């Protein structure tokens, strides 16, 4: 009987240690995980950055096309 009680006590100690480890893991997850609000804010920032990048690319491509069409005419005028 004493052996069974000692065995149960050892098993209970292991269970208690596991519970402490689980609580610690949950605390770390809560501290480091993103909330819906965090994700929504990040989504807005990404959309804004993408919009800005699109505008820069459109301006660059438009300038390149215009320059490619105007440059030969300018060179013709200058070089005669």
Protein backbone atom coordinates (compact mmCIF):
# COMPACT_ATOMS: atom_id res chain seq x y z
CA UNK A 1 0.00 0.00 0.00
CA UNK A 2 2.80 2.41 0.86
CA UNK A 3 4.42 1.71 -2.49
CA UNK A 4 1.25 2.68 -4.31
CA UNK A 5 0.94 5.90 -2.30
CA UNK A 6 4.58 6.78 -2.99
CA UNK A 7 4.07 6.01 -6.66
CA UNK A 8 0.99 8.24 -6.77
CA UNK A 9 2.86 11.03 -4.98
CA UNK A 10 5.72 10.84 -7.51
CA UNK A 11 3.26 10.86 -10.37
CA UNK A 12 1.46 13.82 -8.82
CA UNK A 13 4.75 15.70 -8.52
CA UNK A 14 5.38 15.06 -12.22
CA UNK A 15 1.88 16.27 -13.09
CA UNK A 16 2.38 19.44 -11.05
CA UNK A 17 5.72 20.11 -12.77
CA UNK A 18 4.09 19.60 -16.16
CA UNK A 19 1.28 22.01 -15.25
CA UNK A 20 3.85 24.66 -14.27
CA UNK A 21 5.62 24.15 -17.63
CA UNK A 22 2.32 24.40 -19.51
CA UNK A 23 1.41 27.62 -17.69
CA UNK A 24 4.80 29.07 -18.61
CA UNK A 25 4.35 28.09 -22.25
CA UNK A 26 0.90 29.69 -22.35
CA UNK A 27 2.25 32.89 -20.79
CA UNK A 28 4.97 33.06 -23.46
CA UNK A 29 2.43 32.47 -26.23
CA UNK A 30 0.16 35.20 -24.89
CA UNK A 31 3.05 37.64 -24.66
CA UNK A 32 4.39 37.00 -28.15
CA UNK A 33 1.31 36.29 -30.27
CA UNK A 34 -0.40 38.87 -32.43
CA UNK A 35 -3.97 39.99 -31.85
CA UNK A 36 -6.57 40.65 -34.52
CA UNK A 37 -5.98 44.37 -34.00
CA UNK A 38 -2.23 43.91 -34.55
CA UNK A 39 -2.87 42.01 -37.77
CA UNK A 40 -5.39 44.60 -38.99
CA UNK A 41 -2.89 47.40 -38.35
CA UNK A 42 -0.17 45.49 -40.19
CA UNK A 43 -2.53 44.84 -43.10
CA UNK A 44 -3.23 48.56 -43.40
CA UNK A 45 0.47 49.39 -43.32
CA UNK A 46 1.21 46.79 -46.01
CA UNK A 47 -1.60 48.04 -48.25
CA UNK A 48 -0.28 51.58 -47.90
CA UNK A 49 3.27 50.47 -48.73
CA UNK A 50 2.09 48.52 -51.77
CA UNK A 51 0.07 51.48 -53.01
CA UNK A 52 3.12 53.72 -52.66
CA UNK A 53 5.31 51.21 -54.48
CA UNK A 54 2.78 50.94 -57.31
CA UNK A 55 2.78 54.72 -57.72
CA UNK A 56 6.58 54.81 -57.90
CA UNK A 57 6.65 52.05 -60.52
CA UNK A 58 3.96 53.77 -62.62
CA UNK A 59 5.85 57.08 -62.51
CA UNK A 60 9.15 55.37 -63.40
CA UNK A 61 7.66 53.43 -66.33
CA UNK A 62 5.79 56.48 -67.62
CA UNK A 63 8.96 58.56 -67.44
CA UNK A 64 10.95 55.88 -69.26
CA UNK A 65 8.36 55.63 -72.04
CA UNK A 66 8.16 59.41 -72.46
CA UNK A 67 11.94 59.74 -72.43
CA UNK A 68 12.28 56.94 -74.99
CA UNK A 69 9.94 58.77 -77.33
CA UNK A 70 11.21 62.31 -76.76
CA UNK A 71 14.96 61.63 -76.63
CA UNK A 72 15.36 60.72 -80.31
CA UNK A 73 13.59 63.93 -81.35
CA UNK A 74 15.78 66.02 -79.04
CA UNK A 75 18.93 64.35 -80.37
CA UNK A 76 17.76 64.97 -83.94
CA UNK A 77 17.27 68.67 -83.18
CA UNK A 78 20.59 69.02 -81.40
CA UNK A 79 22.70 67.02 -83.85
CA UNK A 80 20.88 68.28 -86.83
